[in-house]
Each structure stands twice: as structure tokens, then as C-alpha cells.
Amino acid sequence: MKIHLYSCCWNDARMLPFFFRHYESWVDRFFIFDDGSSDGSDELIARHPRAELQPFEHVVEDSFVLSARAMYDHAWKQSRGEADWVIVTNLDEHLHHPRLGEYITACADRGVTVIPALGYQMISAEFPGPEEQLCDTRTRGAPWAQMSKADLFVPDAVDEMRYIPGRHEAAPHGDIVYPERDELLNLHYRYMGREFVHQRHGELNPRLGSRDVALEYGHKYAWNERELDADWAAFEARAVDVSNPRLQPWRSHAEPRWWRPA
């Protein structure tokens, strides 16, 4: 089974080691589009033996978010005829299943072509240590519909993914077959210590284009400490241990799923 992964990057040197550590045992090739990083991210990517560094293109001049959507909608198509599955994701999103290879193989045997992942906002009081495998060491997170995404699919079966901005939903077209139940998780590792979150938001906010601001894409990047603390507390109140074998997320994840009938 051959898997290709597509993502974009800007000054993500802090998250890249966790990202590669999580995916490199089961992803064959990484295609990462860098938007002019100045923190050594491009060098980290270039040094990885299975990663291909490509420039990120601002095809929508006044919108980073819409430019990213265009990349995510089309870049993966180069894997048609080469990869069995592709992953389209962000560098702080880790797809997770306790028996991942077995699960993907079982889905393929049943004719599944798109495997949506149930979203969790992962929470940690401090930023992780450099050698951690986050899905093993940072396992508290709250169910969050916004992070439930269609990140894993068969490129030869899908004509178009048709993501909305941020990939929070999609309207895939082609031979689309979903699993009977939802077991794959999308662990969003953004809330890794308040200092890191504030710093990262402060870095990202000035990079939004005028259309992003007008449409309120990335509006959280402008939050003050009080607003962030309130959001953090709301997630903390609903957090669960995603490593608990009794979790059964297909039952316990009560957030809406855009790919399922209401």
C-alpha cells in the first residue's frame, strides 16, 4: 500500500519533527509547499529523504486561505496512478487509529474510497518535549466538528474534493464510498501551551490577506488572552482521553458530521 501526503508550511520548524515522526512510518512520499519560511523549516523538509519541497503559490492574491484551498483541491492529483491513498492535511493535524494499517486495509477491502476523520482539539498545558510521539504522550482532546475532515482518500476514485476554506468540509465527487462507521481520528495539535498558541497566532495574523480578514478567515489569530482563555476552558471542559480503548469515537463523538445524514 503506497501513501502520499500533501501539506503546506510556513515557519513550522517547531511542529515539523512531531509531524514527520507521526507520519513517516506509514507515508511513502511527502509533498510540502513552503510559503517562504525563514526559521529553517525549508531545510528540515529538504533534508527528509522522502519529502519533496515545492513553493506555495498565492493564486488568490488577497487571500492566503483561498490560495491554500486551491492547493489542497488540486495538488494531490499528481498522485493518480502512483499512490493507493493520499493524505491532505496541515502540519499540526495527526491522523490516528490504534490499528491504522489494519483499518485502512479493511476499508480498502470493503471498497471505501474516502475515510473522514473525527476531529479533536488536543490540549496540553505545556509545549511537548522534542522527542515525543504526540499521539502517545498528549492524548487529551475535545471533540470538535471543525476538525472533522476528509483527509484520507483514494486519488484514482475521486474526481474532485471540493473543500470549503480550511478543509472543514468537502463535497467530494467521483466514486465516493465512506466507511460504515467512523473510527479514524484527526488530532489537532494547536493548543500546546498558551505561550505557543499566542506566539503562533501572532505570527499568522499579519499573513492573512485583505479578503481573509473581510471574510473572517483565521479570525482567532487576532484573539486577546481573555478570548483564548475562554476558548481553552470550553475545550478543557469537554476533553477526553483519546487513547482510552473504551472511547468508541463512532458513538461518543457527538459533534455533527457533514458526510452523514442528520
Protein backbone atom coordinates (compact mmCIF):
# COMPACT_ATOMS: atom_id res chain seq x y z
CA MET A 1 0.00 0.00 0.00
CA LYS A 2 1.53 3.29 -1.14
CA ILE A 3 0.51 6.57 0.55
CA HIS A 4 1.38 10.14 -0.44
CA LEU A 5 0.87 13.18 1.81
CA TYR A 6 0.28 16.83 0.85
CA SER A 7 0.61 19.82 3.16
CA CYS A 8 1.73 23.44 3.27
CA CYS A 9 4.23 25.10 5.58
CA TRP A 10 5.31 28.48 6.89
CA ASN A 11 7.78 28.72 9.78
CA ASP A 12 6.69 25.38 11.22
CA ALA A 13 10.09 24.22 12.47
CA ARG A 14 8.63 23.61 15.95
CA MET A 15 5.95 21.24 14.66
CA LEU A 16 7.75 19.53 11.78
CA PRO A 17 9.67 16.98 13.92
CA PHE A 18 6.39 15.80 15.52
CA PHE A 19 4.73 15.73 12.10
CA PHE A 20 7.42 13.62 10.44
CA ARG A 21 7.71 11.32 13.47
CA HIS A 22 3.98 10.64 13.33
CA TYR A 23 3.66 10.02 9.59
CA GLU A 24 6.98 8.70 8.32
CA SER A 25 6.33 5.08 9.39
CA TRP A 26 3.39 4.80 7.01
CA VAL A 27 3.70 7.56 4.40
CA ASP A 28 5.87 6.88 1.35
CA ARG A 29 6.24 10.43 -0.01
CA PHE A 30 5.67 13.92 1.39
CA PHE A 31 4.85 16.87 -0.86
CA ILE A 32 5.14 20.05 1.20
CA PHE A 33 4.51 23.51 -0.21
CA ASP A 34 6.53 26.13 1.65
CA ASP A 35 5.45 29.79 1.75
CA GLY A 36 8.88 31.35 2.22
CA SER A 37 9.81 30.05 5.68
CA SER A 38 12.62 31.88 7.48
CA ASP A 39 13.00 29.61 10.55
CA GLY A 40 14.72 26.65 8.88
CA SER A 41 11.52 24.77 8.04
CA ASP A 42 12.52 24.51 4.39
CA GLU A 43 15.87 23.00 5.37
CA LEU A 44 14.18 20.42 7.63
CA ILE A 45 11.89 19.40 4.80
CA ALA A 46 14.66 19.29 2.21
CA ARG A 47 16.74 17.01 4.46
CA HIS A 48 13.97 14.43 4.83
CA PRO A 49 14.72 11.57 2.40
CA ARG A 50 11.09 11.14 1.34
CA ALA A 51 9.98 14.77 1.29
CA GLU A 52 9.71 16.98 -1.78
CA LEU A 53 9.79 20.73 -1.14
CA GLN A 54 7.74 22.87 -3.51
CA PRO A 55 6.89 26.60 -3.45
CA PHE A 56 3.47 27.66 -2.22
CA GLU A 57 1.69 29.79 -4.80
CA HIS A 58 -0.64 32.65 -3.88
CA VAL A 59 -3.08 32.01 -6.70
CA VAL A 60 -5.63 34.25 -4.96
CA GLU A 61 -3.61 37.40 -4.41
CA ASP A 62 -5.53 38.81 -1.44
CA SER A 63 -6.23 35.52 0.36
CA PHE A 64 -3.84 33.01 1.87
CA VAL A 65 -6.78 30.80 2.93
CA LEU A 66 -8.27 30.59 -0.57
CA SER A 67 -4.83 30.02 -2.09
CA ALA A 68 -4.34 27.13 0.34
CA ARG A 69 -7.72 25.71 -0.60
CA ALA A 70 -6.72 25.75 -4.26
CA MET A 71 -3.53 23.87 -3.45
CA TYR A 72 -5.37 21.29 -1.35
CA ASP A 73 -8.03 20.84 -4.02
CA HIS A 74 -5.58 20.10 -6.83
CA ALA A 75 -2.02 19.23 -5.72
CA TRP A 76 -2.86 15.62 -4.80
CA LYS A 77 -3.95 14.84 -8.37
CA GLN A 78 -0.32 14.23 -9.33
CA SER A 79 -0.53 11.02 -7.25
CA ARG A 80 -3.14 9.45 -9.52
CA GLY A 81 -1.83 6.20 -10.91
CA GLU A 82 1.01 6.17 -8.35
CA ALA A 83 -0.46 6.11 -4.83
CA ASP A 84 -3.17 3.89 -3.37
CA TRP A 85 -4.15 6.61 -0.89
CA VAL A 86 -3.37 10.29 -0.40
CA ILE A 87 -3.47 12.42 2.73
CA VAL A 88 -4.28 16.14 2.52
CA THR A 89 -3.63 17.78 5.87
CA ASN A 90 -1.98 20.53 7.92
CA LEU A 91 1.28 20.07 9.77
CA ASP A 92 -0.42 20.18 13.19
CA GLU A 93 -3.05 17.56 12.28
CA HIS A 94 -2.22 13.93 13.04
CA LEU A 95 -4.47 11.19 11.65
CA HIS A 96 -4.73 8.44 14.22
CA HIS A 97 -6.16 4.97 14.70
CA PRO A 98 -4.87 2.39 17.21
CA ARG A 99 -4.55 -0.18 14.38
CA LEU A 100 -4.05 2.18 11.49
CA GLY A 101 -2.64 -0.08 8.77
CA GLU A 102 -5.15 -2.81 9.55
CA TYR A 103 -8.01 -0.30 9.46
CA ILE A 104 -7.02 1.25 6.11
CA THR A 105 -6.59 -2.21 4.58
CA ALA A 106 -10.01 -3.27 5.85
CA CYS A 107 -11.56 -0.11 4.37
CA ALA A 108 -9.91 -0.79 1.03
CA ASP A 109 -11.17 -4.38 1.04
CA ARG A 110 -14.72 -3.05 1.56
CA GLY A 111 -14.44 -0.62 -1.36
CA VAL A 112 -14.16 2.51 0.80
CA THR A 113 -12.61 5.41 -1.11
CA VAL A 114 -12.85 8.35 1.35
CA ILE A 115 -12.16 8.00 5.08
CA PRO A 116 -13.23 11.10 7.02
CA ALA A 117 -11.60 11.64 10.41
CA LEU A 118 -13.38 12.73 13.58
CA GLY A 119 -11.83 15.96 14.85
CA TYR A 120 -10.38 16.57 18.31
CA GLN A 121 -8.82 19.77 19.62
CA MET A 122 -5.87 18.42 21.58
CA ILE A 123 -4.88 20.29 24.75
CA SER A 124 -1.65 20.40 26.72
CA ALA A 125 -0.60 22.82 29.46
CA GLU A 126 2.93 22.98 28.05
CA PHE A 127 4.62 22.54 24.71
CA PRO A 128 5.79 18.94 24.16
CA GLY A 129 9.37 17.78 24.52
CA PRO A 130 11.35 17.39 21.28
CA GLU A 131 11.36 13.59 21.18
CA GLU A 132 7.68 12.96 21.93
CA GLN A 133 5.28 10.94 19.80
CA LEU A 134 2.27 13.16 20.38
CA CYS A 135 -0.44 10.55 19.85
CA ASP A 136 1.17 8.58 22.70
CA THR A 137 2.09 11.39 25.10
CA ARG A 138 -0.50 14.15 24.53
CA THR A 139 -3.79 12.31 24.42
CA ARG A 140 -6.35 14.72 25.92
CA GLY A 141 -8.63 16.44 23.47
CA ALA A 142 -12.19 17.62 22.94
CA PRO A 143 -14.46 16.53 20.07
CA TRP A 144 -14.65 19.37 17.56
CA ALA A 145 -16.67 19.29 14.35
CA GLN A 146 -14.47 21.94 12.73
CA MET A 147 -11.55 19.49 12.68
CA SER A 148 -13.59 16.58 11.29
CA LYS A 149 -12.12 16.45 7.82
CA ALA A 150 -11.80 14.24 4.74
CA ASP A 151 -8.02 13.99 4.73
CA LEU A 152 -7.51 10.39 3.52
CA PHE A 153 -8.84 9.15 0.20
CA VAL A 154 -8.13 7.11 -2.96
CA PRO A 155 -6.83 9.50 -5.64
CA ASP A 156 -7.92 7.29 -8.55
CA ALA A 157 -11.51 7.16 -7.26
CA VAL A 158 -12.00 10.87 -6.54
CA ASP A 159 -12.51 13.38 -9.34
CA GLU A 160 -12.63 16.46 -7.12
CA MET A 161 -12.57 17.02 -3.35
CA ARG A 162 -14.17 20.49 -3.45
CA TYR A 163 -13.06 21.59 0.02
CA ILE A 164 -14.51 24.64 1.72
CA PRO A 165 -11.92 27.12 3.09
CA GLY A 166 -9.90 25.47 5.84
CA ARG A 167 -10.96 21.98 4.60
CA HIS A 168 -13.56 21.90 7.38
CA GLU A 169 -15.99 20.27 4.97
CA ALA A 170 -15.83 18.85 1.46
CA ALA A 171 -18.16 17.81 -1.34
CA PRO A 172 -16.16 15.04 -3.00
CA HIS A 173 -17.20 13.92 -6.47
CA GLY A 174 -16.42 10.59 -8.07
CA ASP A 175 -16.69 7.03 -6.80
CA ILE A 176 -17.29 8.11 -3.20
CA VAL A 177 -17.76 5.41 -0.56
CA TYR A 178 -17.46 6.18 3.16
CA PRO A 179 -16.82 3.63 5.94
CA GLU A 180 -19.85 2.17 7.68
CA ARG A 181 -18.65 3.67 10.96
CA ASP A 182 -16.16 6.42 11.74
CA GLU A 183 -13.02 5.23 13.54
CA LEU A 184 -10.24 7.45 12.18
CA LEU A 185 -9.35 10.48 14.33
CA ASN A 186 -7.88 13.84 13.35
CA LEU A 187 -5.85 15.07 16.33
CA HIS A 188 -5.32 18.82 16.03
CA TYR A 189 -2.17 19.77 17.98
CA ARG A 190 -2.54 23.54 18.16
CA TYR A 191 -3.35 24.14 21.85
CA MET A 192 0.07 23.02 23.04
CA GLY A 193 0.67 25.55 25.82
CA ARG A 194 -0.79 29.05 25.88
CA GLU A 195 2.55 30.73 25.19
CA PHE A 196 2.99 28.72 21.99
CA VAL A 197 -0.58 29.44 20.86
CA HIS A 198 -0.28 33.19 21.45
CA GLN A 199 3.06 33.29 19.68
CA ARG A 200 1.81 31.26 16.72
CA HIS A 201 -1.37 33.30 16.35
CA GLY A 202 0.70 36.48 16.48
CA GLU A 203 2.89 35.16 13.67
CA LEU A 204 -0.02 34.08 11.47
CA ASN A 205 -2.37 37.02 11.86
CA PRO A 206 -0.32 39.52 9.78
CA ARG A 207 -0.08 36.97 6.94
CA LEU A 208 -3.82 36.98 6.28
CA GLY A 209 -4.88 38.76 3.12
CA SER A 210 -7.47 41.50 2.93
CA ARG A 211 -10.11 39.06 1.71
CA ASP A 212 -9.30 36.68 4.58
CA VAL A 213 -9.90 39.48 7.06
CA ALA A 214 -13.12 40.59 5.36
CA LEU A 215 -14.48 37.02 5.38
CA GLU A 216 -13.20 36.40 8.94
CA TYR A 217 -10.95 33.52 7.90
CA GLY A 218 -8.40 32.97 10.67
CA HIS A 219 -10.22 35.39 13.00
CA LYS A 220 -8.91 33.53 16.06
CA TYR A 221 -5.41 34.72 15.24
CA ALA A 222 -6.44 38.19 16.48
CA TRP A 223 -7.79 36.98 19.84
CA ASN A 224 -6.54 38.51 23.06
CA GLU A 225 -5.61 36.44 26.12
CA ARG A 226 -9.10 36.61 27.61
CA GLU A 227 -10.70 35.27 24.41
CA LEU A 228 -8.14 32.48 24.11
CA ASP A 229 -8.54 31.52 27.77
CA ALA A 230 -12.33 31.27 27.37
CA ASP A 231 -11.98 29.04 24.31
CA TRP A 232 -9.34 26.91 26.03
CA ALA A 233 -11.58 26.42 29.09
CA ALA A 234 -14.51 25.36 26.90
CA PHE A 235 -12.41 22.67 25.23
CA GLU A 236 -10.87 21.58 28.53
CA ALA A 237 -14.34 21.04 30.00
CA ARG A 238 -15.17 18.57 27.22
CA ALA A 239 -11.78 16.89 26.87
CA VAL A 240 -11.43 13.12 26.91
CA ASP A 241 -8.51 10.71 26.69
CA VAL A 242 -8.44 9.63 23.04
CA SER A 243 -6.13 6.73 23.94
CA ASN A 244 -8.81 5.11 26.12
CA PRO A 245 -9.68 1.79 24.39
CA ARG A 246 -13.26 2.16 25.62
CA LEU A 247 -13.73 5.51 23.87
CA GLN A 248 -15.57 4.18 20.77
CA PRO A 249 -15.48 7.56 18.98
CA TRP A 250 -18.04 6.48 16.36
CA ARG A 251 -20.52 6.59 19.28
CA SER A 252 -19.06 9.08 21.74
CA HIS A 253 -18.05 11.83 19.28
CA ALA A 254 -21.37 13.68 19.34
CA GLU A 255 -20.38 16.59 17.07
CA PRO A 256 -22.12 16.86 13.67
CA ARG A 257 -20.54 15.00 10.75
CA TRP A 258 -21.01 16.71 7.41
CA TRP A 259 -20.66 13.42 5.49
CA ARG A 260 -23.51 11.73 7.40
CA PRO A 261 -27.26 12.40 7.14
CA ALA A 262 -28.55 14.36 10.13
